């Protein structure tokens, strides 16, 4: 299995990846203001879950 292999994502897989990136961006990019600090754990859990799911989509061997 090559790390640099080409991969065609489905719309759902791309949505999961984008959700992961948005959650991480909300946590890091907002620099932890009060409205983000209130929801830090739910956002972090969503980010971790979507990250794991996105990695599963990438590393799953369909052959």
Protein backbone atom coordinates (compact mmCIF):
# COMPACT_ATOMS: atom_id res chain seq x y z
CA UNK A 1 0.00 0.00 0.00
CA UNK A 2 1.47 3.31 -1.07
CA UNK A 3 0.90 6.50 0.85
CA UNK A 4 0.98 8.53 -2.36
CA UNK A 5 -1.51 6.45 -4.34
CA UNK A 6 -4.32 8.20 -6.15
CA UNK A 7 -7.73 8.00 -4.52
CA UNK A 8 -11.13 9.02 -5.82
CA UNK A 9 -13.37 10.12 -2.97
CA UNK A 10 -17.14 9.80 -2.92
CA UNK A 11 -19.23 12.79 -1.90
CA UNK A 12 -19.79 11.30 1.58
CA UNK A 13 -16.09 10.65 2.13
CA UNK A 14 -15.26 14.20 1.08
CA UNK A 15 -17.92 15.53 3.43
CA UNK A 16 -16.40 13.63 6.36
CA UNK A 17 -12.95 14.97 5.54
CA UNK A 18 -14.24 18.54 5.24
CA UNK A 19 -16.11 18.25 8.56
CA UNK A 20 -12.90 17.13 10.24
CA UNK A 21 -10.94 20.04 8.80
CA UNK A 22 -13.66 22.55 9.72
CA UNK A 23 -13.76 21.32 13.33
CA UNK A 24 -9.99 21.53 13.72
CA UNK A 25 -10.02 24.97 12.10
CA UNK A 26 -12.72 26.17 14.47
CA UNK A 27 -10.69 25.04 17.47
CA UNK A 28 -7.31 26.33 16.33
CA UNK A 29 -8.24 29.25 14.12
CA UNK A 30 -10.65 30.92 16.50
CA UNK A 31 -7.87 31.19 19.09
CA UNK A 32 -10.17 29.89 21.82
CA UNK A 33 -12.57 32.80 22.38
CA UNK A 34 -15.37 32.31 24.90
CA UNK A 35 -18.00 31.07 22.43
CA UNK A 36 -15.64 28.33 21.21
CA UNK A 37 -14.51 27.39 24.72
CA UNK A 38 -18.13 26.57 25.61
CA UNK A 39 -18.25 23.89 22.92
CA UNK A 40 -14.61 22.75 22.84
CA UNK A 41 -15.26 19.13 23.86
CA UNK A 42 -18.12 18.42 21.42
CA UNK A 43 -16.10 20.02 18.59
CA UNK A 44 -13.00 18.04 19.57
CA UNK A 45 -14.98 14.77 19.69
CA UNK A 46 -16.50 15.44 16.26
CA UNK A 47 -13.04 16.31 14.89
CA UNK A 48 -11.50 13.11 16.27
CA UNK A 49 -14.36 10.91 15.04
CA UNK A 50 -14.31 12.39 11.53
CA UNK A 51 -10.50 12.18 11.41
CA UNK A 52 -10.60 8.47 12.26
CA UNK A 53 -13.34 7.91 9.68
CA UNK A 54 -11.43 9.86 6.99
CA UNK A 55 -8.28 7.82 7.65
CA UNK A 56 -10.34 4.64 7.42
CA UNK A 57 -11.62 5.75 3.98
CA UNK A 58 -8.08 6.46 2.81
CA UNK A 59 -6.33 3.36 4.11
CA UNK A 60 -9.11 0.86 3.35
CA UNK A 61 -7.98 -1.42 0.55
CA UNK A 62 -10.75 -1.95 -2.02
CA UNK A 63 -8.83 -4.41 -4.18
